[in-house]
PDB file of N, CA and C in Angstrom:
ATOM      1  N   MET A   1       0.840  -1.174   0.000  1.00  0.00           N
ATOM      2  CA  MET A   1       0.000   0.000   0.000  1.00  0.00           C
ATOM      3  C   MET A   1       0.884   1.235   0.000  1.00  0.00           C
ATOM      4  N   LEU A   2       0.610   2.126  -0.892  1.00  0.00           N
ATOM      5  CA  LEU A   2       1.442   3.306  -1.042  1.00  0.00           C
ATOM      6  C   LEU A   2       1.186   4.332   0.052  1.00  0.00           C
ATOM      7  N   LEU A   3      -0.064   4.559   0.401  1.00  0.00           N
ATOM      8  CA  LEU A   3      -0.392   5.542   1.426  1.00  0.00           C
ATOM      9  C   LEU A   3      -0.699   4.859   2.750  1.00  0.00           C
ATOM     10  N   THR A   4      -0.325   5.537   3.842  1.00  0.00           N
ATOM     11  CA  THR A   4      -0.718   5.040   5.158  1.00  0.00           C
ATOM     12  C   THR A   4      -2.216   5.303   5.331  1.00  0.00           C
ATOM     13  N   ASP A   5      -2.804   4.680   6.341  1.00  0.00           N
ATOM     14  CA  ASP A   5      -4.227   4.902   6.592  1.00  0.00           C
ATOM     15  C   ASP A   5      -4.504   6.375   6.879  1.00  0.00           C
ATOM     16  N   ARG A   6      -3.648   7.027   7.646  1.00  0.00           N
ATOM     17  CA  ARG A   6      -3.843   8.438   7.982  1.00  0.00           C
ATOM     18  C   ARG A   6      -3.738   9.295   6.723  1.00  0.00           C
ATOM     19  N   GLU A   7      -2.777   8.987   5.854  1.00  0.00           N
ATOM     20  CA  GLU A   7      -2.643   9.738   4.602  1.00  0.00           C
ATOM     21  C   GLU A   7      -3.887   9.566   3.734  1.00  0.00           C
ATOM     22  N   LYS A   8      -4.443   8.364   3.718  1.00  0.00           N
ATOM     23  CA  LYS A   8      -5.674   8.133   2.959  1.00  0.00           C
ATOM     24  C   LYS A   8      -6.818   8.959   3.534  1.00  0.00           C
ATOM     25  N   ASN A   9      -6.898   9.029   4.878  1.00  0.00           N
ATOM     26  CA  ASN A   9      -7.943   9.838   5.509  1.00  0.00           C
ATOM     27  C   ASN A   9      -7.805  11.301   5.114  1.00  0.00           C
ATOM     28  N   VAL A  10      -6.584  11.812   5.142  1.00  0.00           N
ATOM     29  CA  VAL A  10      -6.341  13.201   4.748  1.00  0.00           C
ATOM     30  C   VAL A  10      -6.721  13.391   3.282  1.00  0.00           C
ATOM     31  N   LEU A  11      -6.298  12.481   2.418  1.00  0.00           N
ATOM     32  CA  LEU A  11      -6.606  12.588   0.991  1.00  0.00           C
ATOM     33  C   LEU A  11      -8.110  12.577   0.754  1.00  0.00           C
ATOM     34  N   ARG A  12      -8.822  11.705   1.435  1.00  0.00           N
ATOM     35  CA  ARG A  12     -10.281  11.654   1.272  1.00  0.00           C
ATOM     36  C   ARG A  12     -10.925  12.998   1.643  1.00  0.00           C
ATOM     37  N   LEU A  13     -10.440  13.593   2.724  1.00  0.00           N
ATOM     38  CA  LEU A  13     -11.001  14.877   3.148  1.00  0.00           C
ATOM     39  C   LEU A  13     -10.634  16.002   2.178  1.00  0.00           C
ATOM     40  N   VAL A  14      -9.427  15.943   1.621  1.00  0.00           N
ATOM     41  CA  VAL A  14      -9.031  16.929   0.601  1.00  0.00           C
ATOM     42  C   VAL A  14      -9.954  16.803  -0.608  1.00  0.00           C
ATOM     43  N   VAL A  15     -10.180  15.570  -1.041  1.00  0.00           N
ATOM     44  CA  VAL A  15     -11.046  15.324  -2.197  1.00  0.00           C
ATOM     45  C   VAL A  15     -12.468  15.806  -1.915  1.00  0.00           C
ATOM     46  N   ASP A  16     -12.893  15.690  -0.661  1.00  0.00           N
ATOM     47  CA  ASP A  16     -14.227  16.168  -0.279  1.00  0.00           C
ATOM     48  C   ASP A  16     -14.296  17.678  -0.196  1.00  0.00           C
ATOM     49  N   GLY A  17     -13.174  18.358  -0.437  1.00  0.00           N
ATOM     50  CA  GLY A  17     -13.164  19.813  -0.464  1.00  0.00           C
ATOM     51  C   GLY A  17     -12.898  20.477   0.877  1.00  0.00           C
ATOM     52  N   LYS A  18     -12.446  19.700   1.845  1.00  0.00           N
ATOM     53  CA  LYS A  18     -12.162  20.256   3.172  1.00  0.00           C
ATOM     54  C   LYS A  18     -10.857  21.044   3.152  1.00  0.00           C
ATOM     55  N   HIS A  19     -10.821  22.117   3.940  1.00  0.00           N
ATOM     56  CA  HIS A  19      -9.613  22.929   4.098  1.00  0.00           C
ATOM     57  C   HIS A  19      -8.766  22.354   5.237  1.00  0.00           C
ATOM     58  N   ASN A  20      -7.511  22.785   5.297  1.00  0.00           N
ATOM     59  CA  ASN A  20      -6.587  22.256   6.301  1.00  0.00           C
ATOM     60  C   ASN A  20      -7.153  22.329   7.715  1.00  0.00           C
ATOM     61  N   ARG A  21      -7.728  23.455   8.079  1.00  0.00           N
ATOM     62  CA  ARG A  21      -8.271  23.620   9.438  1.00  0.00           C
ATOM     63  C   ARG A  21      -9.412  22.633   9.698  1.00  0.00           C
ATOM     64  N   GLN A  22     -10.265  22.438   8.702  1.00  0.00           N
ATOM     65  CA  GLN A  22     -11.369  21.488   8.844  1.00  0.00           C
ATOM     66  C   GLN A  22     -10.850  20.067   8.983  1.00  0.00           C
ATOM     67  N   ILE A  23      -9.867  19.718   8.172  1.00  0.00           N
ATOM     68  CA  ILE A  23      -9.271  18.376   8.239  1.00  0.00           C
ATOM     69  C   ILE A  23      -8.672  18.154   9.623  1.00  0.00           C
ATOM     70  N   ALA A  24      -7.957  19.156  10.131  1.00  0.00           N
ATOM     71  CA  ALA A  24      -7.332  19.054  11.454  1.00  0.00           C
ATOM     72  C   ALA A  24      -8.388  18.810  12.530  1.00  0.00           C
ATOM     73  N   GLU A  25      -9.479  19.546  12.469  1.00  0.00           N
ATOM     74  CA  GLU A  25     -10.542  19.380  13.463  1.00  0.00           C
ATOM     75  C   GLU A  25     -11.177  17.996  13.377  1.00  0.00           C
ATOM     76  N   ILE A  26     -11.440  17.545  12.175  1.00  0.00           N
ATOM     77  CA  ILE A  26     -12.078  16.235  11.987  1.00  0.00           C
ATOM     78  C   ILE A  26     -11.183  15.112  12.502  1.00  0.00           C
ATOM     79  N   LEU A  27      -9.883  15.192  12.199  1.00  0.00           N
ATOM     80  CA  LEU A  27      -8.960  14.122  12.572  1.00  0.00           C
ATOM     81  C   LEU A  27      -8.351  14.309  13.960  1.00  0.00           C
ATOM     82  N   GLY A  28      -8.586  15.458  14.576  1.00  0.00           N
ATOM     83  CA  GLY A  28      -8.043  15.708  15.910  1.00  0.00           C
ATOM     84  C   GLY A  28      -6.536  15.909  15.908  1.00  0.00           C
ATOM     85  N   ILE A  29      -6.040  16.570  14.865  1.00  0.00           N
ATOM     86  CA  ILE A  29      -4.609  16.841  14.749  1.00  0.00           C
ATOM     87  C   ILE A  29      -4.412  18.330  14.488  1.00  0.00           C
ATOM     88  N   LYS A  30      -3.163  18.770  14.490  1.00  0.00           N
ATOM     89  CA  LYS A  30      -2.865  20.188  14.248  1.00  0.00           C
ATOM     90  C   LYS A  30      -2.835  20.478  12.748  1.00  0.00           C
ATOM     91  N   VAL A  31      -3.075  21.737  12.415  1.00  0.00           N
ATOM     92  CA  VAL A  31      -3.072  22.169  11.012  1.00  0.00           C
ATOM     93  C   VAL A  31      -1.722  21.873  10.368  1.00  0.00           C
ATOM     94  N   ASN A  32      -0.626  22.130  11.087  1.00  0.00           N
ATOM     95  CA  ASN A  32       0.699  21.842  10.525  1.00  0.00           C
ATOM     96  C   ASN A  32       0.886  20.358  10.240  1.00  0.00           C
ATOM     97  N   THR A  33       0.258  19.505  11.028  1.00  0.00           N
ATOM     98  CA  THR A  33       0.336  18.060  10.779  1.00  0.00           C
ATOM     99  C   THR A  33      -0.401  17.717   9.487  1.00  0.00           C
ATOM    100  N   VAL A  34      -1.532  18.357   9.270  1.00  0.00           N
ATOM    101  CA  VAL A  34      -2.275  18.157   8.019  1.00  0.00           C
ATOM    102  C   VAL A  34      -1.399  18.554   6.839  1.00  0.00           C
ATOM    103  N   LYS A  35      -0.762  19.715   6.944  1.00  0.00           N
ATOM    104  CA  LYS A  35       0.122  20.173   5.868  1.00  0.00           C
ATOM    105  C   LYS A  35       1.250  19.181   5.623  1.00  0.00           C
ATOM    106  N   SER A  36       1.781  18.628   6.702  1.00  0.00           N
ATOM    107  CA  SER A  36       2.856  17.636   6.588  1.00  0.00           C
ATOM    108  C   SER A  36       2.373  16.389   5.844  1.00  0.00           C
ATOM    109  N   TYR A  37       1.175  15.915   6.194  1.00  0.00           N
ATOM    110  CA  TYR A  37       0.619  14.747   5.493  1.00  0.00           C
ATOM    111  C   TYR A  37       0.417  15.046   4.013  1.00  0.00           C
ATOM    112  N   LYS A  38      -0.101  16.225   3.702  1.00  0.00           N
ATOM    113  CA  LYS A  38      -0.324  16.584   2.303  1.00  0.00           C
ATOM    114  C   LYS A  38       0.998  16.652   1.543  1.00  0.00           C
ATOM    115  N   THR A  39       2.030  17.154   2.195  1.00  0.00           N
ATOM    116  CA  THR A  39       3.349  17.202   1.564  1.00  0.00           C
ATOM    117  C   THR A  39       3.856  15.794   1.295  1.00  0.00           C
ATOM    118  N   ARG A  40       3.714  14.900   2.282  1.00  0.00           N
ATOM    119  CA  ARG A  40       4.172  13.518   2.091  1.00  0.00           C
ATOM    120  C   ARG A  40       3.411  12.828   0.967  1.00  0.00           C
ATOM    121  N   ILE A  41       2.108  13.062   0.901  1.00  0.00           N
ATOM    122  CA  ILE A  41       1.311  12.484  -0.183  1.00  0.00           C
ATOM    123  C   ILE A  41       1.854  12.972  -1.522  1.00  0.00           C
ATOM    124  N   GLY A  42       2.128  14.264  -1.598  1.00  0.00           N
ATOM    125  CA  GLY A  42       2.679  14.833  -2.833  1.00  0.00           C
ATOM    126  C   GLY A  42       4.019  14.232  -3.213  1.00  0.00           C
ATOM    127  N   TRP A  43       4.912  14.078  -2.238  1.00  0.00           N
ATOM    128  CA  TRP A  43       6.233  13.508  -2.532  1.00  0.00           C
ATOM    129  C   TRP A  43       6.123  12.071  -3.009  1.00  0.00           C
ATOM    130  N   LYS A  44       5.220  11.308  -2.415  1.00  0.00           N
ATOM    131  CA  LYS A  44       5.065   9.909  -2.825  1.00  0.00           C
ATOM    132  C   LYS A  44       4.628   9.814  -4.277  1.00  0.00           C
ATOM    133  N   TYR A  45       3.772  10.742  -4.707  1.00  0.00           N
ATOM    134  CA  TYR A  45       3.242  10.655  -6.053  1.00  0.00           C
ATOM    135  C   TYR A  45       4.086  11.351  -7.101  1.00  0.00           C
ATOM    136  N   ARG A  46       4.995  12.214  -6.707  1.00  0.00           N
ATOM    137  CA  ARG A  46       5.848  12.913  -7.693  1.00  0.00           C
ATOM    138  C   ARG A  46       6.672  11.932  -8.520  1.00  0.00           C
ATOM    139  N   LYS A  47       7.107  10.857  -7.896  1.00  0.00           N
ATOM    140  CA  LYS A  47       7.929   9.888  -8.634  1.00  0.00           C
ATOM    141  C   LYS A  47       7.151   9.211  -9.753  1.00  0.00           C
ATOM    142  N   PHE A  48       5.819   9.378  -9.752  1.00  0.00           N
ATOM    143  CA  PHE A  48       4.993   8.787 -10.796  1.00  0.00           C
ATOM    144  C   PHE A  48       4.472   9.837 -11.764  1.00  0.00           C
ATOM    145  N   GLY A  49       5.088  11.027 -11.709  1.00  0.00           N
ATOM    146  CA  GLY A  49       4.727  12.074 -12.658  1.00  0.00           C
ATOM    147  C   GLY A  49       3.574  12.949 -12.228  1.00  0.00           C
ATOM    148  N   ILE A  50       3.105  12.787 -10.996  1.00  0.00           N
ATOM    149  CA  ILE A  50       2.025  13.619 -10.497  1.00  0.00           C
ATOM    150  C   ILE A  50       2.658  14.783  -9.757  1.00  0.00           C
ATOM    151  N   ARG A  51       2.393  15.997 -10.223  1.00  0.00           N
ATOM    152  CA  ARG A  51       3.103  17.174  -9.723  1.00  0.00           C
ATOM    153  C   ARG A  51       2.625  17.652  -8.356  1.00  0.00           C
ATOM    154  N   ASN A  52       1.319  17.579  -8.093  1.00  0.00           N
ATOM    155  CA  ASN A  52       0.773  18.076  -6.828  1.00  0.00           C
ATOM    156  C   ASN A  52      -0.653  17.568  -6.669  1.00  0.00           C
ATOM    157  N   LEU A  53      -1.305  17.957  -5.581  1.00  0.00           N
ATOM    158  CA  LEU A  53      -2.669  17.488  -5.344  1.00  0.00           C
ATOM    159  C   LEU A  53      -3.638  17.991  -6.412  1.00  0.00           C
ATOM    160  N   ASN A  54      -3.408  19.185  -6.938  1.00  0.00           N
ATOM    161  CA  ASN A  54      -4.267  19.673  -8.018  1.00  0.00           C
ATOM    162  C   ASN A  54      -4.145  18.795  -9.254  1.00  0.00           C
ATOM    163  N   HIS A  55      -2.925  18.377  -9.579  1.00  0.00           N
ATOM    164  CA  HIS A  55      -2.707  17.480 -10.711  1.00  0.00           C
ATOM    165  C   HIS A  55      -3.393  16.144 -10.444  1.00  0.00           C
ATOM    166  N   LEU A  56      -3.283  15.660  -9.215  1.00  0.00           N
ATOM    167  CA  LEU A  56      -3.927  14.410  -8.828  1.00  0.00           C
ATOM    168  C   LEU A  56      -5.440  14.504  -9.029  1.00  0.00           C
ATOM    169  N   MET A  57      -6.027  15.622  -8.625  1.00  0.00           N
ATOM    170  CA  MET A  57      -7.467  15.828  -8.803  1.00  0.00           C
ATOM    171  C   MET A  57      -7.831  15.914 -10.285  1.00  0.00           C
ATOM    172  N   ALA A  58      -6.984  16.559 -11.070  1.00  0.00           N
ATOM    173  CA  ALA A  58      -7.249  16.651 -12.506  1.00  0.00           C
ATOM    174  C   ALA A  58      -7.251  15.271 -13.147  1.00  0.00           C
ATOM    175  N   LEU A  59      -6.334  14.419 -12.717  1.00  0.00           N
ATOM    176  CA  LEU A  59      -6.307  13.043 -13.231  1.00  0.00           C
ATOM    177  C   LEU A  59      -7.595  12.313 -12.877  1.00  0.00           C
ATOM    178  N   TYR A  60      -8.048  12.528 -11.657  1.00  0.00           N
ATOM    179  CA  TYR A  60      -9.293  11.875 -11.266  1.00  0.00           C
ATOM    180  C   TYR A  60     -10.455  12.376 -12.118  1.00  0.00           C
ATOM    181  N   ARG A  61     -10.573  13.684 -12.265  1.00  0.00           N
ATOM    182  CA  ARG A  61     -11.691  14.236 -13.026  1.00  0.00           C
ATOM    183  C   ARG A  61     -11.678  13.727 -14.459  1.00  0.00           C
ATOM    184  N   LYS A  62     -10.483  13.545 -15.007  1.00  0.00           N
ATOM    185  CA  LYS A  62     -10.363  13.049 -16.381  1.00  0.00           C
ATOM    186  C   LYS A  62     -10.920  11.636 -16.499  1.00  0.00           C
ATOM    187  N   LYS A  63     -10.763  10.841 -15.457  1.00  0.00           N
ATOM    188  CA  LYS A  63     -11.190   9.442 -15.506  1.00  0.00           C
ATOM    189  C   LYS A  63     -12.386   9.170 -14.595  1.00  0.00           C
ATOM    190  N   LYS A  64     -13.086  10.226 -14.236  1.00  0.00           N
ATOM    191  CA  LYS A  64     -14.171  10.108 -13.259  1.00  0.00           C
ATOM    192  C   LYS A  64     -15.234   9.112 -13.716  1.00  0.00           C
ATOM    193  N   LYS A  65     -15.700   8.353 -12.753  1.00  0.00           N
ATOM    194  CA  LYS A  65     -16.757   7.389 -13.018  1.00  0.00           C
ATOM    195  C   LYS A  65     -18.064   7.920 -12.443  1.00  0.00           C
ATOM    196  N   GLU A  66     -19.154   7.365 -12.902  1.00  0.00           N
ATOM    197  CA  GLU A  66     -20.470   7.801 -12.439  1.00  0.00           C
ATOM    198  C   GLU A  66     -20.663   7.513 -10.952  1.00  0.00           C
ATOM    199  N   GLU A  67     -20.114   6.412 -10.461  1.00  0.00           N
ATOM    200  CA  GLU A  67     -20.310   6.029  -9.072  1.00  0.00           C
ATOM    201  C   GLU A  67     -18.973   5.916  -8.365  1.00  0.00           C
ATOM    202  N   GLY A  68     -19.052   5.800  -7.049  1.00  0.00           N
ATOM    203  CA  GLY A  68     -17.846   5.526  -6.282  1.00  0.00           C
ATOM    204  C   GLY A  68     -17.331   6.735  -5.532  1.00  0.00           C
ATOM    205  N   ASN A  69     -16.524   6.447  -4.548  1.00  0.00           N
ATOM    206  CA  ASN A  69     -15.912   7.479  -3.724  1.00  0.00           C
ATOM    207  C   ASN A  69     -14.746   8.082  -4.481  1.00  0.00           C
ATOM    208  N   ALA A  70     -14.711   9.396  -4.585  1.00  0.00           N
ATOM    209  CA  ALA A  70     -13.669  10.066  -5.364  1.00  0.00           C
ATOM    210  C   ALA A  70     -12.278   9.726  -4.866  1.00  0.00           C
ATOM    211  N   ALA A  71     -12.061   9.765  -3.565  1.00  0.00           N
ATOM    212  CA  ALA A  71     -10.730   9.476  -3.023  1.00  0.00           C
ATOM    213  C   ALA A  71     -10.337   8.035  -3.297  1.00  0.00           C
ATOM    214  N   ASP A  72     -11.280   7.115  -3.134  1.00  0.00           N
ATOM    215  CA  ASP A  72     -10.975   5.712  -3.413  1.00  0.00           C
ATOM    216  C   ASP A  72     -10.598   5.519  -4.874  1.00  0.00           C
ATOM    217  N   GLU A  73     -11.270   6.241  -5.768  1.00  0.00           N
ATOM    218  CA  GLU A  73     -10.944   6.149  -7.187  1.00  0.00           C
ATOM    219  C   GLU A  73      -9.548   6.700  -7.458  1.00  0.00           C
ATOM    220  N   ILE A  74      -9.200   7.803  -6.805  1.00  0.00           N
ATOM    221  CA  ILE A  74      -7.856   8.362  -6.975  1.00  0.00           C
ATOM    222  C   ILE A  74      -6.817   7.365  -6.493  1.00  0.00           C
ATOM    223  N   ILE A  75      -7.026   6.807  -5.316  1.00  0.00           N
ATOM    224  CA  ILE A  75      -6.078   5.839  -4.764  1.00  0.00           C
ATOM    225  C   ILE A  75      -5.951   4.634  -5.697  1.00  0.00           C
ATOM    226  N   LYS A  76      -7.076   4.190  -6.236  1.00  0.00           N
ATOM    227  CA  LYS A  76      -7.059   3.064  -7.177  1.00  0.00           C
ATOM    228  C   LYS A  76      -6.254   3.419  -8.433  1.00  0.00           C
ATOM    229  N   LEU A  77      -6.485   4.612  -8.994  1.00  0.00           N
ATOM    230  CA  LEU A  77      -5.747   5.035 -10.191  1.00  0.00           C
ATOM    231  C   LEU A  77      -4.245   5.089  -9.920  1.00  0.00           C
ATOM    232  N   ILE A  78      -3.876   5.629  -8.757  1.00  0.00           N
ATOM    233  CA  ILE A  78      -2.459   5.729  -8.421  1.00  0.00           C
ATOM    234  C   ILE A  78      -1.852   4.352  -8.228  1.00  0.00           C
ATOM    235  N   ASN A  79      -2.568   3.470  -7.550  1.00  0.00           N
ATOM    236  CA  ASN A  79      -2.053   2.114  -7.344  1.00  0.00           C
ATOM    237  C   ASN A  79      -1.882   1.383  -8.670  1.00  0.00           C
ATOM    238  N   GLU A  80      -2.793   1.633  -9.623  1.00  0.00           N
ATOM    239  CA  GLU A  80      -2.639   1.039 -10.952  1.00  0.00           C
ATOM    240  C   GLU A  80      -1.380   1.574 -11.626  1.00  0.00           C
ATOM    241  N   GLU A  81      -1.142   2.883 -11.476  1.00  0.00           N
ATOM    242  CA  GLU A  81       0.070   3.474 -12.048  1.00  0.00           C
ATOM    243  C   GLU A  81       1.311   2.890 -11.385  1.00  0.00           C
ATOM    244  N   ASN A  82       1.219   2.685 -10.080  1.00  0.00           N
ATOM    245  CA  ASN A  82       2.348   2.072  -9.352  1.00  0.00           C
ATOM    246  C   ASN A  82       2.664   0.690  -9.918  1.00  0.00           C
ATOM    247  N   SER A  83       1.627  -0.084 -10.182  1.00  0.00           N
ATOM    248  CA  SER A  83       1.799  -1.430 -10.720  1.00  0.00           C
ATOM    249  C   SER A  83       2.480  -1.383 -12.085  1.00  0.00           C
ATOM    250  N   ARG A  84       2.055  -0.450 -12.922  1.00  0.00           N
ATOM    251  CA  ARG A  84       2.656  -0.312 -14.241  1.00  0.00           C
ATOM    252  C   ARG A  84       4.118   0.120 -14.145  1.00  0.00           C
ATOM    253  N   SER A  85       4.421   0.932 -13.139  1.00  0.00           N
ATOM    254  CA  SER A  85       5.787   1.444 -12.959  1.00  0.00           C
ATOM    255  C   SER A  85       6.684   0.457 -12.233  1.00  0.00           C
ATOM    256  N   GLY A  86       6.089  -0.603 -11.698  1.00  0.00           N
ATOM    257  CA  GLY A  86       6.883  -1.595 -10.975  1.00  0.00           C
ATOM    258  C   GLY A  86       7.198  -1.191  -9.546  1.00  0.00           C
ATOM    259  N   TYR A  87       6.502  -0.167  -9.006  1.00  0.00           N
ATOM    260  CA  TYR A  87       6.769   0.284  -7.639  1.00  0.00           C
ATOM    261  C   TYR A  87       6.085  -0.657  -6.664  1.00  0.00           C
ATOM    262  N   GLN A  88       6.796  -1.021  -5.614  1.00  0.00           N
ATOM    263  CA  GLN A  88       6.223  -1.818  -4.547  1.00  0.00           C
ATOM    264  C   GLN A  88       6.633  -1.191  -3.231  1.00  0.00           C
ATOM    265  N   ASN A  89       5.638  -0.827  -2.429  1.00  0.00           N
ATOM    266  CA  ASN A  89       5.907  -0.240  -1.117  1.00  0.00           C
ATOM    267  C   ASN A  89       6.226  -1.357  -0.144  1.00  0.00           C
ATOM    268  N   GLN A  90       7.373  -1.317   0.465  1.00  0.00           N
ATOM    269  CA  GLN A  90       7.796  -2.370   1.383  1.00  0.00           C
ATOM    270  C   GLN A  90       7.322  -2.080   2.765  1.00  0.00           C
TER     271      GLN A  90
END
């Protein structure tokens, strides 16, 4: 799995349109911690050609399906890209 459970939670809230302060309140963490998680998510995906969270969202919108959770679809798309690239998270 490329993302930790906490990173997935942060990503889901970002996809839902939540701001850093809202994410922090929901998860019971500090705003700077949210920013740190978002940075880590970005770094993990840069090696696969994804420049930032906005680029990640654009990829999702391009391949958006009628049903399903947006964040889960993004994670699925990234994991598929990981498989094609031969990346395996140890």
